[in-house]
Amino acid sequence: MNYLSHYYIDNRPGNLYFNSALFLPDFARNYTRKFNNEIQGLTPFETQLQLGCMAHLNADKIFHPSSFFKKYNEIIVHELSKYNSLSHIPRKWFLAHILFEMLLDRLIVKSNIAIAHQFYNDLEKIDTKILENFVLHFSNKNVAQLIKNFEHFCKAKYLYGYAQNENFVYALSRVFKSGTGFELSLNEKIDLNRFVILIEEKHFSEIIIVLTELKEVFK
């Protein structure tokens, strides 16, 4: 799942540090992937941060093998295979994967903007020094840039932009480039924009039903 989807599934009202860590394993993946390591001497806030990270990792273990993920991922892969203007793009399976996960965040923003408000409000209230010290328990890298990235993420609030087609495709193309090294041209982004509109109209128009299915995965 993507950032907002993890918050949508697992947030605990009032638990700022737990909630703020629900997107951390993905956000900090270039600094560490060891948030499940057992660490002695964590402070109470750091413990909540680790519990949030663990909730993220456990949710991914449930989500990716689920029939829900398989159903919609296969739908997108099938639609991509028929969409001639994007047929030349490499690693379409990866594009389908990230498109579905980011699309869930988009559906949340479009249907319940209050979730995004809560998400950013929680992030903005935590002490970044506590976050920095927490990550250093699991990473031997300089995490100063990670904290800058976190602060920029909180300030930019770009997840709100997912409701607009152009902003969503821009974010999607950046993630695709990061994962594949392939940069989409302007025309390819225009075609991808059209494709997103097409699959939303065909398969994701009933937003509440899709998000209810998502919640059912974790019951």
C-alpha atoms as a PDB file:
ATOM      1  CA  MET A   1       0.000   0.000   0.000  1.00  0.00           C
ATOM      2  CA  ASN A   2       0.949   3.632  -0.278  1.00  0.00           C
ATOM      3  CA  TYR A   3       1.312   6.357   2.346  1.00  0.00           C
ATOM      4  CA  LEU A   4      -2.265   7.419   3.011  1.00  0.00           C
ATOM      5  CA  SER A   5      -3.696   3.910   2.689  1.00  0.00           C
ATOM      6  CA  HIS A   6      -1.576   2.710   5.604  1.00  0.00           C
ATOM      7  CA  TYR A   7      -2.872   5.589   7.698  1.00  0.00           C
ATOM      8  CA  TYR A   8      -6.451   4.880   6.582  1.00  0.00           C
ATOM      9  CA  ILE A   9      -6.179   1.263   7.735  1.00  0.00           C
ATOM     10  CA  ASP A  10      -4.123   1.443  10.922  1.00  0.00           C
ATOM     11  CA  ASN A  11      -4.163   4.931  12.458  1.00  0.00           C
ATOM     12  CA  ARG A  12      -4.864   5.181  16.177  1.00  0.00           C
ATOM     13  CA  PRO A  13      -6.538   8.505  17.030  1.00  0.00           C
ATOM     14  CA  GLY A  14      -4.344  10.589  19.314  1.00  0.00           C
ATOM     15  CA  ASN A  15      -1.246   8.372  18.986  1.00  0.00           C
ATOM     16  CA  LEU A  16       0.885  10.808  16.980  1.00  0.00           C
ATOM     17  CA  TYR A  17       4.118   8.817  16.906  1.00  0.00           C
ATOM     18  CA  PHE A  18       2.506   5.511  15.989  1.00  0.00           C
ATOM     19  CA  ASN A  19       0.483   7.213  13.248  1.00  0.00           C
ATOM     20  CA  SER A  20       3.449   9.159  11.908  1.00  0.00           C
ATOM     21  CA  ALA A  21       5.438   5.955  11.468  1.00  0.00           C
ATOM     22  CA  LEU A  22       2.793   4.239   9.366  1.00  0.00           C
ATOM     23  CA  PHE A  23       4.385   5.550   6.184  1.00  0.00           C
ATOM     24  CA  LEU A  24       7.981   5.506   7.415  1.00  0.00           C
ATOM     25  CA  PRO A  25       9.214   2.131   6.072  1.00  0.00           C
ATOM     26  CA  ASP A  26       8.529   3.332   2.528  1.00  0.00           C
ATOM     27  CA  PHE A  27       9.558   6.944   3.093  1.00  0.00           C
ATOM     28  CA  ALA A  28      12.872   5.974   4.703  1.00  0.00           C
ATOM     29  CA  ARG A  29      13.637   2.917   2.574  1.00  0.00           C
ATOM     30  CA  ASN A  30      16.881   4.473   1.257  1.00  0.00           C
ATOM     31  CA  TYR A  31      18.142   4.844   4.810  1.00  0.00           C
ATOM     32  CA  THR A  32      17.128   1.546   6.370  1.00  0.00           C
ATOM     33  CA  ARG A  33      14.883  -1.463   5.912  1.00  0.00           C
ATOM     34  CA  LYS A  34      15.504  -2.830   9.389  1.00  0.00           C
ATOM     35  CA  PHE A  35      12.661  -1.298  11.388  1.00  0.00           C
ATOM     36  CA  ASN A  36      11.637  -4.775  12.508  1.00  0.00           C
ATOM     37  CA  ASN A  37      14.974  -5.327  14.306  1.00  0.00           C
ATOM     38  CA  GLU A  38      14.729  -5.730  18.070  1.00  0.00           C
ATOM     39  CA  ILE A  39      16.280  -2.690  19.759  1.00  0.00           C
ATOM     40  CA  GLN A  40      16.793  -2.302  23.499  1.00  0.00           C
ATOM     41  CA  GLY A  41      16.347   0.982  25.335  1.00  0.00           C
ATOM     42  CA  LEU A  42      13.860   2.737  23.079  1.00  0.00           C
ATOM     43  CA  THR A  43      12.033   5.665  24.652  1.00  0.00           C
ATOM     44  CA  PRO A  44       8.207   5.491  24.850  1.00  0.00           C
ATOM     45  CA  PHE A  45       7.857   7.713  21.763  1.00  0.00           C
ATOM     46  CA  GLU A  46      10.436   5.661  19.875  1.00  0.00           C
ATOM     47  CA  THR A  47       8.576   2.498  20.856  1.00  0.00           C
ATOM     48  CA  GLN A  48       5.410   3.905  19.326  1.00  0.00           C
ATOM     49  CA  LEU A  49       7.340   4.806  16.182  1.00  0.00           C
ATOM     50  CA  GLN A  50       8.575   1.232  15.884  1.00  0.00           C
ATOM     51  CA  LEU A  51       5.102  -0.149  16.499  1.00  0.00           C
ATOM     52  CA  GLY A  52       3.836   2.054  13.652  1.00  0.00           C
ATOM     53  CA  CYS A  53       6.581   0.756  11.377  1.00  0.00           C
ATOM     54  CA  MET A  54       5.727  -2.815  12.331  1.00  0.00           C
ATOM     55  CA  ALA A  55       2.051  -2.169  11.573  1.00  0.00           C
ATOM     56  CA  HIS A  56       3.083  -0.978   8.100  1.00  0.00           C
ATOM     57  CA  LEU A  57       5.221  -4.039   7.451  1.00  0.00           C
ATOM     58  CA  ASN A  58       2.529  -6.412   8.712  1.00  0.00           C
ATOM     59  CA  ALA A  59      -0.145  -4.692   6.601  1.00  0.00           C
ATOM     60  CA  ASP A  60       1.972  -5.121   3.471  1.00  0.00           C
ATOM     61  CA  LYS A  61       2.365  -8.836   4.233  1.00  0.00           C
ATOM     62  CA  ILE A  62      -1.423  -9.149   4.340  1.00  0.00           C
ATOM     63  CA  PHE A  63      -2.190  -6.804   1.458  1.00  0.00           C
ATOM     64  CA  HIS A  64       0.037  -8.068  -1.346  1.00  0.00           C
ATOM     65  CA  PRO A  65      -1.089 -11.747  -1.274  1.00  0.00           C
ATOM     66  CA  SER A  66      -4.748 -10.734  -0.824  1.00  0.00           C
ATOM     67  CA  SER A  67      -7.436 -11.499  -3.393  1.00  0.00           C
ATOM     68  CA  PHE A  68      -8.279  -7.771  -3.320  1.00  0.00           C
ATOM     69  CA  PHE A  69      -4.824  -6.775  -4.523  1.00  0.00           C
ATOM     70  CA  LYS A  70      -4.630  -9.585  -7.038  1.00  0.00           C
ATOM     71  CA  LYS A  71      -8.040  -8.773  -8.508  1.00  0.00           C
ATOM     72  CA  TYR A  72      -7.440  -5.091  -9.130  1.00  0.00           C
ATOM     73  CA  ASN A  73      -3.801  -5.493 -10.093  1.00  0.00           C
ATOM     74  CA  GLU A  74      -4.781  -8.037 -12.730  1.00  0.00           C
ATOM     75  CA  ILE A  75      -7.471  -5.685 -14.010  1.00  0.00           C
ATOM     76  CA  ILE A  76      -4.943  -2.879 -14.471  1.00  0.00           C
ATOM     77  CA  VAL A  77      -2.383  -5.209 -16.084  1.00  0.00           C
ATOM     78  CA  HIS A  78      -5.073  -6.432 -18.493  1.00  0.00           C
ATOM     79  CA  GLU A  79      -6.191  -2.910 -19.359  1.00  0.00           C
ATOM     80  CA  LEU A  80      -2.573  -1.836 -19.890  1.00  0.00           C
ATOM     81  CA  SER A  81      -2.003  -4.739 -22.267  1.00  0.00           C
ATOM     82  CA  LYS A  82      -4.863  -3.452 -24.438  1.00  0.00           C
ATOM     83  CA  TYR A  83      -3.843   0.207 -24.310  1.00  0.00           C
ATOM     84  CA  ASN A  84      -1.758   0.513 -27.462  1.00  0.00           C
ATOM     85  CA  SER A  85      -0.237   3.932 -26.812  1.00  0.00           C
ATOM     86  CA  LEU A  86       1.465   2.594 -23.665  1.00  0.00           C
ATOM     87  CA  SER A  87       2.342  -0.871 -25.011  1.00  0.00           C
ATOM     88  CA  HIS A  88       6.030  -0.004 -25.487  1.00  0.00           C
ATOM     89  CA  ILE A  89       6.632   1.052 -21.888  1.00  0.00           C
ATOM     90  CA  PRO A  90       8.942  -1.371 -20.005  1.00  0.00           C
ATOM     91  CA  ARG A  91       8.004  -3.155 -16.776  1.00  0.00           C
ATOM     92  CA  LYS A  92       4.287  -2.603 -17.148  1.00  0.00           C
ATOM     93  CA  TRP A  93       3.728  -5.011 -14.236  1.00  0.00           C
ATOM     94  CA  PHE A  94       5.559  -2.506 -12.015  1.00  0.00           C
ATOM     95  CA  LEU A  95       3.551   0.392 -13.418  1.00  0.00           C
ATOM     96  CA  ALA A  96       0.333  -1.507 -12.706  1.00  0.00           C
ATOM     97  CA  HIS A  97       1.472  -2.282  -9.151  1.00  0.00           C
ATOM     98  CA  ILE A  98       2.364   1.285  -8.174  1.00  0.00           C
ATOM     99  CA  LEU A  99      -0.619   2.707 -10.048  1.00  0.00           C
ATOM    100  CA  PHE A 100      -3.033   0.605  -8.016  1.00  0.00           C
ATOM    101  CA  GLU A 101      -1.386   1.432  -4.694  1.00  0.00           C
ATOM    102  CA  MET A 102      -1.247   5.165  -5.450  1.00  0.00           C
ATOM    103  CA  LEU A 103      -4.770   5.043  -6.830  1.00  0.00           C
ATOM    104  CA  LEU A 104      -6.026   3.882  -3.442  1.00  0.00           C
ATOM    105  CA  ASP A 105      -4.537   7.038  -1.902  1.00  0.00           C
ATOM    106  CA  ARG A 106      -6.195   9.061  -4.652  1.00  0.00           C
ATOM    107  CA  LEU A 107      -9.575   7.486  -3.904  1.00  0.00           C
ATOM    108  CA  ILE A 108      -9.181   8.304  -0.204  1.00  0.00           C
ATOM    109  CA  VAL A 109      -8.336  11.941  -0.975  1.00  0.00           C
ATOM    110  CA  LYS A 110     -11.260  12.241  -3.402  1.00  0.00           C
ATOM    111  CA  SER A 111     -13.808  10.642  -1.083  1.00  0.00           C
ATOM    112  CA  ASN A 112     -12.661  11.600   2.442  1.00  0.00           C
ATOM    113  CA  ILE A 113     -10.296  14.558   2.535  1.00  0.00           C
ATOM    114  CA  ALA A 114     -10.496  14.544   6.345  1.00  0.00           C
ATOM    115  CA  ILE A 115      -8.210  11.485   6.370  1.00  0.00           C
ATOM    116  CA  ALA A 116      -5.508  13.493   4.605  1.00  0.00           C
ATOM    117  CA  HIS A 117      -6.022  16.374   7.046  1.00  0.00           C
ATOM    118  CA  GLN A 118      -5.585  14.014  10.002  1.00  0.00           C
ATOM    119  CA  PHE A 119      -2.523  12.399   8.418  1.00  0.00           C
ATOM    120  CA  TYR A 120      -0.681  15.674   7.931  1.00  0.00           C
ATOM    121  CA  ASN A 121      -1.787  17.070  11.279  1.00  0.00           C
ATOM    122  CA  ASP A 122      -0.269  14.079  13.061  1.00  0.00           C
ATOM    123  CA  LEU A 123       2.997  14.356  11.123  1.00  0.00           C
ATOM    124  CA  GLU A 124       3.345  18.053  11.871  1.00  0.00           C
ATOM    125  CA  LYS A 125       2.952  17.568  15.636  1.00  0.00           C
ATOM    126  CA  ILE A 126       5.817  15.133  16.229  1.00  0.00           C
ATOM    127  CA  ASP A 127       9.303  16.196  17.297  1.00  0.00           C
ATOM    128  CA  THR A 128      11.645  15.613  14.339  1.00  0.00           C
ATOM    129  CA  LYS A 129      14.592  15.187  16.712  1.00  0.00           C
ATOM    130  CA  ILE A 130      12.831  12.171  18.211  1.00  0.00           C
ATOM    131  CA  LEU A 131      12.228  10.875  14.686  1.00  0.00           C
ATOM    132  CA  GLU A 132      15.877  11.390  13.771  1.00  0.00           C
ATOM    133  CA  ASN A 133      17.149   9.569  16.865  1.00  0.00           C
ATOM    134  CA  PHE A 134      14.722   6.725  16.198  1.00  0.00           C
ATOM    135  CA  VAL A 135      15.895   6.171  12.620  1.00  0.00           C
ATOM    136  CA  LEU A 136      19.530   6.241  13.768  1.00  0.00           C
ATOM    137  CA  HIS A 137      18.838   3.146  15.885  1.00  0.00           C
ATOM    138  CA  PHE A 138      18.321   1.245  12.602  1.00  0.00           C
ATOM    139  CA  SER A 139      20.614   3.066  10.161  1.00  0.00           C
ATOM    140  CA  ASN A 140      24.325   3.764   9.919  1.00  0.00           C
ATOM    141  CA  LYS A 141      23.741   6.584   7.432  1.00  0.00           C
ATOM    142  CA  ASN A 142      23.546  10.324   7.960  1.00  0.00           C
ATOM    143  CA  VAL A 143      19.817  10.919   8.204  1.00  0.00           C
ATOM    144  CA  ALA A 144      19.887  14.730   8.078  1.00  0.00           C
ATOM    145  CA  GLN A 145      18.560  14.652   4.505  1.00  0.00           C
ATOM    146  CA  LEU A 146      15.773  12.285   5.530  1.00  0.00           C
ATOM    147  CA  ILE A 147      14.608  14.793   8.130  1.00  0.00           C
ATOM    148  CA  LYS A 148      14.735  17.570   5.523  1.00  0.00           C
ATOM    149  CA  ASN A 149      12.696  15.360   3.198  1.00  0.00           C
ATOM    150  CA  PHE A 150      10.201  14.721   5.995  1.00  0.00           C
ATOM    151  CA  GLU A 151       9.841  18.428   6.741  1.00  0.00           C
ATOM    152  CA  HIS A 152       9.389  19.192   3.037  1.00  0.00           C
ATOM    153  CA  PHE A 153       6.817  16.409   2.733  1.00  0.00           C
ATOM    154  CA  CYS A 154       4.834  17.929   5.608  1.00  0.00           C
ATOM    155  CA  LYS A 155       5.053  21.414   4.108  1.00  0.00           C
ATOM    156  CA  ALA A 156       4.307  20.496   0.481  1.00  0.00           C
ATOM    157  CA  LYS A 157       1.328  18.254   1.310  1.00  0.00           C
ATOM    158  CA  TYR A 158       1.415  16.898  -2.211  1.00  0.00           C
ATOM    159  CA  LEU A 159      -0.986  14.045  -1.450  1.00  0.00           C
ATOM    160  CA  TYR A 160      -3.793  16.585  -1.683  1.00  0.00           C
ATOM    161  CA  GLY A 161      -2.815  16.995  -5.330  1.00  0.00           C
ATOM    162  CA  TYR A 162      -3.690  13.365  -6.058  1.00  0.00           C
ATOM    163  CA  ALA A 163      -7.281  14.486  -6.648  1.00  0.00           C
ATOM    164  CA  GLN A 164      -6.111  16.374  -9.770  1.00  0.00           C
ATOM    165  CA  ASN A 165      -5.296  14.168 -12.749  1.00  0.00           C
ATOM    166  CA  GLU A 166      -2.141  15.991 -13.835  1.00  0.00           C
ATOM    167  CA  ASN A 167      -0.662  16.052 -10.325  1.00  0.00           C
ATOM    168  CA  PHE A 168      -1.428  12.380  -9.803  1.00  0.00           C
ATOM    169  CA  VAL A 169       0.198  11.347 -13.092  1.00  0.00           C
ATOM    170  CA  TYR A 170       3.216  13.534 -12.318  1.00  0.00           C
ATOM    171  CA  ALA A 171       3.673  11.761  -8.960  1.00  0.00           C
ATOM    172  CA  LEU A 172       3.091   8.366 -10.563  1.00  0.00           C
ATOM    173  CA  SER A 173       5.661   9.024 -13.289  1.00  0.00           C
ATOM    174  CA  ARG A 174       8.238  10.054 -10.663  1.00  0.00           C
ATOM    175  CA  VAL A 175       7.758   6.833  -8.711  1.00  0.00           C
ATOM    176  CA  PHE A 176       7.946   4.854 -11.962  1.00  0.00           C
ATOM    177  CA  LYS A 177      11.215   6.565 -12.908  1.00  0.00           C
ATOM    178  CA  SER A 178      12.633   5.957  -9.419  1.00  0.00           C
ATOM    179  CA  GLY A 179      11.843   2.241  -9.678  1.00  0.00           C
ATOM    180  CA  THR A 180      12.812   1.632 -13.305  1.00  0.00           C
ATOM    181  CA  GLY A 181      15.080   4.465 -14.432  1.00  0.00           C
ATOM    182  CA  PHE A 182      12.643   5.048 -17.307  1.00  0.00           C
ATOM    183  CA  GLU A 183      11.456   8.637 -17.676  1.00  0.00           C
ATOM    184  CA  LEU A 184       8.117   9.087 -19.387  1.00  0.00           C
ATOM    185  CA  SER A 185       7.922  11.647 -22.166  1.00  0.00           C
ATOM    186  CA  LEU A 186       5.310  14.400 -22.195  1.00  0.00           C
ATOM    187  CA  ASN A 187       3.183  12.437 -24.677  1.00  0.00           C
ATOM    188  CA  GLU A 188       3.463   9.284 -22.571  1.00  0.00           C
ATOM    189  CA  LYS A 189       2.319  11.228 -19.504  1.00  0.00           C
ATOM    190  CA  ILE A 190      -0.657  12.515 -21.492  1.00  0.00           C
ATOM    191  CA  ASP A 191      -1.489   8.939 -22.520  1.00  0.00           C
ATOM    192  CA  LEU A 192      -1.059   7.744 -18.937  1.00  0.00           C
ATOM    193  CA  ASN A 193      -3.410  10.500 -17.800  1.00  0.00           C
ATOM    194  CA  ARG A 194      -6.029   9.228 -20.238  1.00  0.00           C
ATOM    195  CA  PHE A 195      -5.446   5.675 -19.077  1.00  0.00           C
ATOM    196  CA  VAL A 196      -5.958   6.599 -15.415  1.00  0.00           C
ATOM    197  CA  ILE A 197      -9.252   8.299 -16.296  1.00  0.00           C
ATOM    198  CA  LEU A 198     -10.300   5.239 -18.316  1.00  0.00           C
ATOM    199  CA  ILE A 199      -9.678   2.672 -15.589  1.00  0.00           C
ATOM    200  CA  GLU A 200     -11.224   4.859 -12.910  1.00  0.00           C
ATOM    201  CA  GLU A 201     -14.414   5.173 -14.922  1.00  0.00           C
ATOM    202  CA  LYS A 202     -14.509   1.453 -15.699  1.00  0.00           C
ATOM    203  CA  HIS A 203     -13.345  -0.124 -12.454  1.00  0.00           C
ATOM    204  CA  PHE A 204     -13.061   2.422  -9.625  1.00  0.00           C
ATOM    205  CA  SER A 205     -16.098   4.685  -9.988  1.00  0.00           C
ATOM    206  CA  GLU A 206     -17.712   3.190  -6.861  1.00  0.00           C
ATOM    207  CA  ILE A 207     -15.093   4.576  -4.488  1.00  0.00           C
ATOM    208  CA  ILE A 208     -16.811   3.594  -1.254  1.00  0.00           C
ATOM    209  CA  ILE A 209     -17.148  -0.003  -2.421  1.00  0.00           C
ATOM    210  CA  VAL A 210     -13.450  -0.226  -3.302  1.00  0.00           C
ATOM    211  CA  LEU A 211     -12.361   1.278   0.017  1.00  0.00           C
ATOM    212  CA  THR A 212     -14.731  -1.012   1.886  1.00  0.00           C
ATOM    213  CA  GLU A 213     -13.111  -3.959   0.105  1.00  0.00           C
ATOM    214  CA  LEU A 214      -9.731  -2.622   1.218  1.00  0.00           C
ATOM    215  CA  LYS A 215     -10.845  -2.522   4.851  1.00  0.00           C
ATOM    216  CA  GLU A 216     -12.203  -6.062   4.572  1.00  0.00           C
ATOM    217  CA  VAL A 217      -8.715  -7.324   3.737  1.00  0.00           C
ATOM    218  CA  PHE A 218      -7.606  -6.550   7.306  1.00  0.00           C
ATOM    219  CA  LYS A 219     -10.556  -7.920   9.267  1.00  0.00           C
END
